[in-house]
């Protein structure tokens, strides 16, 4: 079966009823508020939301100084070095199947969807006739998507969803720094299996809590890994320093959840 790996897992903190109420009210107002017709096409469809209803909304976030944007000069240099060194082989099949998560809490499902499609696993069921393809909405066998919106998904739950959908998934915990480095380097040097990491955004100086995303490359010169962040509406793809950032975030996840975290590896079926 296709193999698949994730690193660490966290759950989303539950919103208070008051916070959910404010969000639902804002969404409802944004949908029903009268808008002027667009001057170009004479419809309301592409008219911006009124400024008073934009209060509290966000358009992306800036990366902290300890993370390097893939599209920056330094990011391009790191990727070029990884490509020449042969430690960016996983990037191409993953980025060719990349998608942005459709809900703020779906990072795990989106990561799994990317990897299942990158492994070229036939879902054996129709997405939109006549096409068979994996999407987040199809990954409902073990965890209800609606419950995941508020409670998140654990690493073991996500691994089971991957198994149910044809991948050979293993969860690896308690790895030493040397073992984790070897695991990631071996993974990015080929495209037969893939690894995803679940890390603490807060430990990296970002907003939010736990987050899943695939690992696509490793630049040994800067000792950093390339994360294909599934929350493209929030931040871009970025390099995270392996020792200082990645391992520390896993330790932070462990302290928050009170459980040992690790990696999930996903392979295609034999």
Protein backbone atom coordinates (compact mmCIF):
# COMPACT_ATOMS: atom_id res chain seq x y z
CA UNK A 1 0.00 0.00 0.00
CA UNK A 2 1.19 3.61 -0.51
CA UNK A 3 2.98 4.80 2.58
CA UNK A 4 2.35 8.03 4.36
CA UNK A 5 3.95 9.82 7.33
CA UNK A 6 3.03 12.72 9.54
CA UNK A 7 4.94 14.46 12.29
CA UNK A 8 3.09 15.41 15.46
CA UNK A 9 -0.56 16.30 15.95
CA UNK A 10 -2.50 18.92 17.79
CA UNK A 11 -6.17 19.68 18.24
CA UNK A 12 -7.81 23.00 17.54
CA UNK A 13 -8.96 24.85 20.67
CA UNK A 14 -12.74 25.01 20.86
CA UNK A 15 -14.31 28.39 20.22
CA UNK A 16 -16.63 29.82 22.83
CA UNK A 17 -20.34 30.11 22.03
CA UNK A 18 -19.94 33.89 22.07
CA UNK A 19 -17.09 33.76 19.52
CA UNK A 20 -19.04 31.38 17.26
CA UNK A 21 -22.10 33.63 17.54
CA UNK A 22 -20.13 36.71 16.50
CA UNK A 23 -18.65 34.82 13.55
CA UNK A 24 -22.02 33.51 12.34
CA UNK A 25 -23.56 36.98 12.63
CA UNK A 26 -20.74 38.53 10.62
CA UNK A 27 -21.05 35.85 7.95
CA UNK A 28 -24.81 36.31 7.75
CA UNK A 29 -24.50 40.09 7.48
CA UNK A 30 -21.86 39.77 4.77
CA UNK A 31 -24.22 37.59 2.73
CA UNK A 32 -27.37 39.69 3.05
CA UNK A 33 -25.93 43.22 3.21
CA UNK A 34 -26.94 45.26 0.15
CA UNK A 35 -24.13 45.96 -2.27
CA UNK A 36 -23.72 48.25 -5.21
CA UNK A 37 -23.49 46.53 -8.59
CA UNK A 38 -20.01 46.12 -10.05
CA UNK A 39 -19.25 48.88 -12.54
CA UNK A 40 -17.65 46.40 -14.93
CA UNK A 41 -20.19 43.58 -15.06
CA UNK A 42 -23.26 45.19 -13.42
CA UNK A 43 -23.67 42.42 -10.84
CA UNK A 44 -23.05 42.16 -7.10
CA UNK A 45 -20.98 38.97 -7.34
CA UNK A 46 -17.53 40.61 -7.47
CA UNK A 47 -18.32 43.70 -5.38
CA UNK A 48 -16.07 43.95 -2.26
CA UNK A 49 -17.65 43.42 1.15
CA UNK A 50 -18.58 46.78 2.74
CA UNK A 51 -15.72 48.11 4.93
CA UNK A 52 -17.77 47.98 8.14
CA UNK A 53 -18.33 44.25 7.62
CA UNK A 54 -14.62 43.60 7.02
CA UNK A 55 -13.76 44.48 10.62
CA UNK A 56 -12.03 41.54 12.27
CA UNK A 57 -11.36 39.73 8.98
CA UNK A 58 -7.83 39.01 7.75
CA UNK A 59 -5.94 38.85 4.49
CA UNK A 60 -2.94 36.60 5.08
CA UNK A 61 -0.17 36.87 7.70
CA UNK A 62 3.49 37.81 7.51
CA UNK A 63 5.99 35.05 8.24
CA UNK A 64 8.03 35.39 11.44
CA UNK A 65 11.72 36.21 10.94
CA UNK A 66 12.75 32.64 11.77
CA UNK A 67 10.88 31.27 8.72
CA UNK A 68 11.99 31.75 5.11
CA UNK A 69 9.43 32.25 2.35
CA UNK A 70 10.04 29.91 -0.60
CA UNK A 71 9.50 32.80 -3.04
CA UNK A 72 12.10 35.04 -1.38
CA UNK A 73 15.69 35.30 -2.65
CA UNK A 74 16.89 33.20 0.27
CA UNK A 75 14.06 30.71 -0.19
CA UNK A 76 14.83 30.26 -3.88
CA UNK A 77 18.50 29.77 -3.04
CA UNK A 78 17.68 27.08 -0.49
CA UNK A 79 15.38 25.29 -2.91
CA UNK A 80 18.01 25.43 -5.68
CA UNK A 81 20.58 23.91 -3.34
CA UNK A 82 18.16 21.18 -2.30
CA UNK A 83 17.27 20.47 -5.94
CA UNK A 84 20.92 20.13 -6.97
CA UNK A 85 21.63 17.93 -3.94
CA UNK A 86 18.70 15.65 -4.77
CA UNK A 87 16.79 16.47 -1.58
CA UNK A 88 13.75 18.02 -3.28
CA UNK A 89 12.45 14.99 -5.20
CA UNK A 90 9.29 14.86 -3.07
CA UNK A 91 8.46 18.46 -3.98
CA UNK A 92 7.32 17.81 -7.53
CA UNK A 93 4.64 15.14 -7.04
CA UNK A 94 3.39 16.93 -3.91
CA UNK A 95 3.17 20.42 -5.43
CA UNK A 96 1.50 19.01 -8.56
CA UNK A 97 -1.35 17.80 -6.31
CA UNK A 98 -1.26 20.71 -3.86
CA UNK A 99 -4.49 22.36 -2.76
CA UNK A 100 -5.49 24.92 -0.16
CA UNK A 101 -7.56 23.66 2.75
CA UNK A 102 -11.24 24.52 2.32
CA UNK A 103 -11.80 25.15 6.04
CA UNK A 104 -9.45 26.55 8.73
CA UNK A 105 -9.63 23.23 10.62
CA UNK A 106 -9.07 20.92 7.62
CA UNK A 107 -5.26 21.06 7.42
CA UNK A 108 -5.03 17.35 8.23
CA UNK A 109 -7.62 16.28 5.66
CA UNK A 110 -6.09 18.52 3.00
CA UNK A 111 -2.60 17.19 3.71
CA UNK A 112 -3.89 13.63 3.41
CA UNK A 113 -5.72 14.46 0.16
CA UNK A 114 -2.54 15.91 -1.36
CA UNK A 115 -0.53 12.84 -0.41
CA UNK A 116 -3.13 10.29 -1.55
CA UNK A 117 -3.30 11.97 -4.96
CA UNK A 118 0.51 12.32 -5.14
CA UNK A 119 0.77 8.57 -4.51
CA UNK A 120 -1.58 8.04 -7.49
CA UNK A 121 -3.98 5.91 -5.48
CA UNK A 122 -7.28 5.25 -7.23
CA UNK A 123 -10.06 6.12 -4.73
CA UNK A 124 -12.33 3.61 -6.50
CA UNK A 125 -15.27 6.01 -6.24
CA UNK A 126 -16.41 8.92 -8.36
CA UNK A 127 -15.62 12.49 -7.35
CA UNK A 128 -17.49 14.22 -10.20
CA UNK A 129 -18.58 11.91 -13.01
CA UNK A 130 -16.67 10.53 -14.80
CA UNK A 131 -13.61 11.39 -12.67
CA UNK A 132 -12.29 9.47 -9.66
CA UNK A 133 -10.20 11.73 -7.43
CA UNK A 134 -9.53 12.40 -3.75
CA UNK A 135 -10.96 15.52 -2.14
CA UNK A 136 -11.43 16.51 1.50
CA UNK A 137 -15.15 15.79 1.29
CA UNK A 138 -14.47 12.12 0.53
CA UNK A 139 -12.43 11.49 3.70
CA UNK A 140 -15.39 10.86 5.99
CA UNK A 141 -15.03 7.17 6.80
CA UNK A 142 -13.55 7.54 10.31
CA UNK A 143 -14.00 11.19 11.31
CA UNK A 144 -16.98 13.39 10.55
CA UNK A 145 -15.88 16.60 8.85
CA UNK A 146 -18.35 18.67 10.88
CA UNK A 147 -16.93 17.40 14.17
CA UNK A 148 -13.39 18.06 12.93
CA UNK A 149 -14.30 21.72 12.36
CA UNK A 150 -14.52 22.24 16.12
CA UNK A 151 -12.49 19.41 17.63
CA UNK A 152 -9.71 18.96 15.10
CA UNK A 153 -8.27 15.56 14.21
CA UNK A 154 -5.57 13.52 15.92
CA UNK A 155 -2.58 11.96 14.25
CA UNK A 156 -3.89 8.45 14.83
CA UNK A 157 -7.32 9.36 13.44
CA UNK A 158 -5.78 10.81 10.30
CA UNK A 159 -3.57 7.76 9.86
CA UNK A 160 -6.63 5.51 10.05
CA UNK A 161 -8.44 7.62 7.44
CA UNK A 162 -5.40 7.16 5.17
CA UNK A 163 -5.49 3.38 5.65
CA UNK A 164 -9.20 3.27 4.89
CA UNK A 165 -8.48 5.04 1.61
CA UNK A 166 -5.82 2.64 0.36
CA UNK A 167 -2.55 3.96 1.78
CA UNK A 168 -0.09 2.06 3.93
CA UNK A 169 0.23 4.45 6.87
CA UNK A 170 2.58 4.22 9.84
CA UNK A 171 2.82 6.50 12.86
CA UNK A 172 6.32 6.91 14.32
CA UNK A 173 6.82 8.43 17.76
CA UNK A 174 9.71 9.03 20.11
CA UNK A 175 12.36 9.47 17.39
CA UNK A 176 15.71 10.96 18.29
CA UNK A 177 16.96 14.05 16.46
CA UNK A 178 19.27 11.89 14.35
CA UNK A 179 16.51 9.43 13.50
CA UNK A 180 14.09 12.24 12.58
CA UNK A 181 16.70 13.88 10.36
CA UNK A 182 17.39 10.59 8.57
CA UNK A 183 13.67 9.98 8.15
CA UNK A 184 13.08 13.36 6.52
CA UNK A 185 16.18 13.22 4.32
CA UNK A 186 15.31 9.75 3.05
CA UNK A 187 11.73 10.87 2.33
CA UNK A 188 12.58 13.98 0.28
CA UNK A 189 15.15 12.09 -1.83
CA UNK A 190 12.45 9.96 -3.49
CA UNK A 191 8.77 10.03 -4.43
CA UNK A 192 7.60 6.54 -3.49
CA UNK A 193 6.27 7.68 -0.10
CA UNK A 194 5.70 11.00 1.66
CA UNK A 195 5.87 12.53 5.12
CA UNK A 196 3.73 15.22 6.68
CA UNK A 197 4.46 17.16 9.84
CA UNK A 198 2.06 18.36 12.49
CA UNK A 199 3.60 21.18 14.42
CA UNK A 200 2.82 24.01 16.81
CA UNK A 201 2.37 27.31 14.99
CA UNK A 202 2.62 29.14 18.30
CA UNK A 203 6.09 27.71 18.96
CA UNK A 204 7.21 29.17 15.62
CA UNK A 205 5.87 32.61 16.48
CA UNK A 206 2.76 32.25 14.31
CA UNK A 207 -0.88 32.65 15.25
CA UNK A 208 -2.95 29.50 15.69
CA UNK A 209 -2.19 26.18 17.34
CA UNK A 210 -1.52 22.77 15.77
CA UNK A 211 -1.15 22.43 12.02
CA UNK A 212 -0.57 19.64 9.45
CA UNK A 213 1.34 20.08 6.18
CA UNK A 214 3.49 17.95 3.85
CA UNK A 215 7.31 18.05 3.92
CA UNK A 216 8.69 18.60 0.41
CA UNK A 217 12.44 19.33 0.55
CA UNK A 218 15.47 19.54 2.83
CA UNK A 219 18.30 22.05 2.35
CA UNK A 220 21.25 20.57 4.19
CA UNK A 221 23.35 23.74 3.81
CA UNK A 222 20.90 25.73 5.95
CA UNK A 223 19.63 22.64 7.81
CA UNK A 224 16.03 23.53 7.00
CA UNK A 225 12.97 21.70 5.69
CA UNK A 226 10.45 23.04 3.19
CA UNK A 227 6.86 22.89 4.42
CA UNK A 228 4.03 23.11 1.86
CA UNK A 229 1.65 24.95 4.16
CA UNK A 230 -1.93 23.98 3.33
CA UNK A 231 -3.27 27.28 4.72
CA UNK A 232 -2.28 29.28 1.66
CA UNK A 233 -4.86 31.93 2.60
CA UNK A 234 -2.70 32.56 5.68
CA UNK A 235 0.99 32.07 4.82
CA UNK A 236 3.18 30.88 1.98
CA UNK A 237 5.38 27.79 1.60
CA UNK A 238 8.33 28.22 3.95
CA UNK A 239 11.61 26.74 5.13
CA UNK A 240 11.81 25.87 8.83
CA UNK A 241 15.17 25.30 10.50
CA UNK A 242 15.29 21.65 11.47
CA UNK A 243 16.88 21.72 14.93
CA UNK A 244 15.85 25.09 16.30
CA UNK A 245 12.32 25.16 14.95
CA UNK A 246 10.94 21.81 13.86
CA UNK A 247 12.02 19.68 16.80
CA UNK A 248 11.18 22.40 19.31
CA UNK A 249 7.66 22.65 17.93
CA UNK A 250 7.18 18.92 18.37
CA UNK A 251 8.24 19.24 21.99
CA UNK A 252 5.76 22.10 22.39
CA UNK A 253 2.98 19.97 20.93
CA UNK A 254 3.76 17.20 23.36
CA UNK A 255 3.58 19.53 26.35
CA UNK A 256 0.27 21.00 25.22
CA UNK A 257 -1.48 17.69 24.48
CA UNK A 258 0.19 15.56 27.09
CA UNK A 259 0.98 12.83 24.54
CA UNK A 260 4.03 11.74 22.62
CA UNK A 261 4.05 12.97 19.03
CA UNK A 262 5.93 11.68 16.01
CA UNK A 263 5.77 11.07 12.28
CA UNK A 264 3.25 9.53 9.93
CA UNK A 265 4.51 7.90 6.78
CA UNK A 266 2.30 7.11 3.83
CA UNK A 267 3.06 4.71 0.98
CA UNK A 268 1.13 3.48 -2.04
CA UNK A 269 -0.13 -0.12 -1.94
CA UNK A 270 2.27 -2.80 -3.13
